[in-house]
Amino acid sequence: MRKLKSCPFCLKPCPFCGSEKLSIESKSRRVGTNGLDIPVDNVTYSVRCNMCHARGATAGGRVLAYTLGLEIPAWSKTKAELYEQAIEAWNRRAET
């Protein structure tokens, strides 16, 4: 398994108000099953400022509800990958 480069404690302050009161929000919706009848969910993560309510880019994809030791198909992501992508998107800043 790939080691995460980010953690919830590595979030940069809000670029709009400077607050460090941030949360990582997730939403999940069942979209069907794969060929082995394993449930497939559409999962999204985004970082949100709790002070000014700014929101970072959404990282989303299809996630198998469980894998039972099976290889993860190319079309599927893991929740950890999406979580990390949301943090990376929030921390990305324009060069000035």
Protein backbone atom coordinates (compact mmCIF):
# COMPACT_ATOMS: atom_id res chain seq x y z
CA MET A 1 0.00 0.00 0.00
CA ARG A 2 1.25 3.47 -0.89
CA LYS A 3 2.24 5.65 2.05
CA LEU A 4 0.27 8.90 2.33
CA LYS A 5 2.27 12.08 1.78
CA SER A 6 -0.27 14.21 3.64
CA CYS A 7 -2.12 14.14 6.90
CA PRO A 8 -5.00 16.15 8.37
CA PHE A 9 -2.45 18.08 10.43
CA CYS A 10 -0.63 19.25 7.27
CA LEU A 11 -3.38 21.55 6.00
CA LYS A 12 -2.34 25.09 5.15
CA PRO A 13 -4.45 27.92 6.64
CA CYS A 14 -7.40 29.22 4.64
CA PRO A 15 -6.12 31.39 1.75
CA PHE A 16 -9.03 33.81 2.20
CA CYS A 17 -9.30 34.46 5.95
CA GLY A 18 -6.16 32.77 7.35
CA SER A 19 -8.14 30.53 9.71
CA GLU A 20 -6.75 27.16 10.75
CA LYS A 21 -10.22 25.91 11.73
CA LEU A 22 -10.66 23.50 8.83
CA SER A 23 -12.58 20.30 8.31
CA ILE A 24 -12.40 17.55 5.72
CA GLU A 25 -15.89 16.67 4.58
CA SER A 26 -16.90 13.49 2.82
CA LYS A 27 -20.00 12.41 0.97
CA SER A 28 -20.83 8.92 -0.22
CA ARG A 29 -23.56 7.59 -2.47
CA ARG A 30 -24.17 3.99 -3.56
CA VAL A 31 -24.07 3.80 -7.37
CA GLY A 32 -24.40 0.07 -7.93
CA THR A 33 -22.33 -3.09 -7.85
CA ASN A 34 -19.42 -4.50 -9.79
CA GLY A 35 -19.41 -7.86 -11.59
CA LEU A 36 -18.88 -9.72 -8.29
CA ASP A 37 -21.86 -8.03 -6.61
CA ILE A 38 -19.57 -5.90 -4.42
CA PRO A 39 -21.22 -2.53 -3.73
CA VAL A 40 -19.66 0.48 -5.48
CA ASP A 41 -19.90 3.93 -3.91
CA ASN A 42 -19.24 7.35 -5.38
CA VAL A 43 -17.15 9.09 -2.68
CA THR A 44 -16.06 12.73 -2.56
CA TYR A 45 -13.82 14.64 -0.14
CA SER A 46 -13.22 18.36 0.18
CA VAL A 47 -11.57 20.69 2.69
CA ARG A 48 -13.74 23.46 4.14
CA CYS A 49 -12.92 26.50 6.24
CA ASN A 50 -15.18 26.64 9.29
CA MET A 51 -14.82 30.43 9.57
CA CYS A 52 -15.45 31.87 6.08
CA HIS A 53 -16.89 28.64 4.57
CA ALA A 54 -14.44 28.56 1.65
CA ARG A 55 -14.20 25.12 0.09
CA GLY A 56 -11.34 23.51 -1.77
CA ALA A 57 -11.59 21.41 -4.89
CA THR A 58 -13.53 18.18 -4.62
CA ALA A 59 -11.66 14.91 -4.99
CA GLY A 60 -14.01 12.14 -5.99
CA GLY A 61 -14.23 8.72 -7.54
CA ARG A 62 -15.76 5.29 -7.38
CA VAL A 63 -14.75 3.14 -4.44
CA LEU A 64 -15.47 -0.53 -3.76
CA ALA A 65 -17.28 -0.91 -0.43
CA TYR A 66 -14.94 -3.80 0.40
CA THR A 67 -12.34 -5.81 -1.49
CA LEU A 68 -12.08 -9.10 0.43
CA GLY A 69 -8.40 -9.28 -0.50
CA LEU A 70 -9.16 -8.88 -4.21
CA GLU A 71 -7.05 -6.67 -6.44
CA ILE A 72 -8.51 -3.19 -6.77
CA PRO A 73 -9.59 -2.58 -10.40
CA ALA A 74 -8.07 0.31 -12.39
CA TRP A 75 -11.37 2.26 -12.42
CA SER A 76 -11.60 2.20 -8.62
CA LYS A 77 -9.90 4.50 -6.12
CA THR A 78 -9.38 4.05 -2.40
CA LYS A 79 -10.80 6.42 0.19
CA ALA A 80 -7.24 7.15 1.34
CA GLU A 81 -6.25 8.28 -2.19
CA LEU A 82 -9.24 10.60 -2.46
CA TYR A 83 -8.63 12.00 1.04
CA GLU A 84 -5.02 12.77 0.12
CA GLN A 85 -6.06 14.38 -3.20
CA ALA A 86 -8.46 16.72 -1.35
CA ILE A 87 -5.66 17.81 1.00
CA GLU A 88 -3.24 18.33 -1.90
CA ALA A 89 -5.85 20.42 -3.76
CA TRP A 90 -6.43 22.60 -0.67
CA ASN A 91 -2.72 23.11 -0.09
CA ARG A 92 -2.04 24.05 -3.72
CA ARG A 93 -1.48 27.79 -4.03
CA ALA A 94 -0.91 30.00 -7.04
CA GLU A 95 2.67 31.22 -7.44
CA THR A 96 3.00 34.95 -6.84
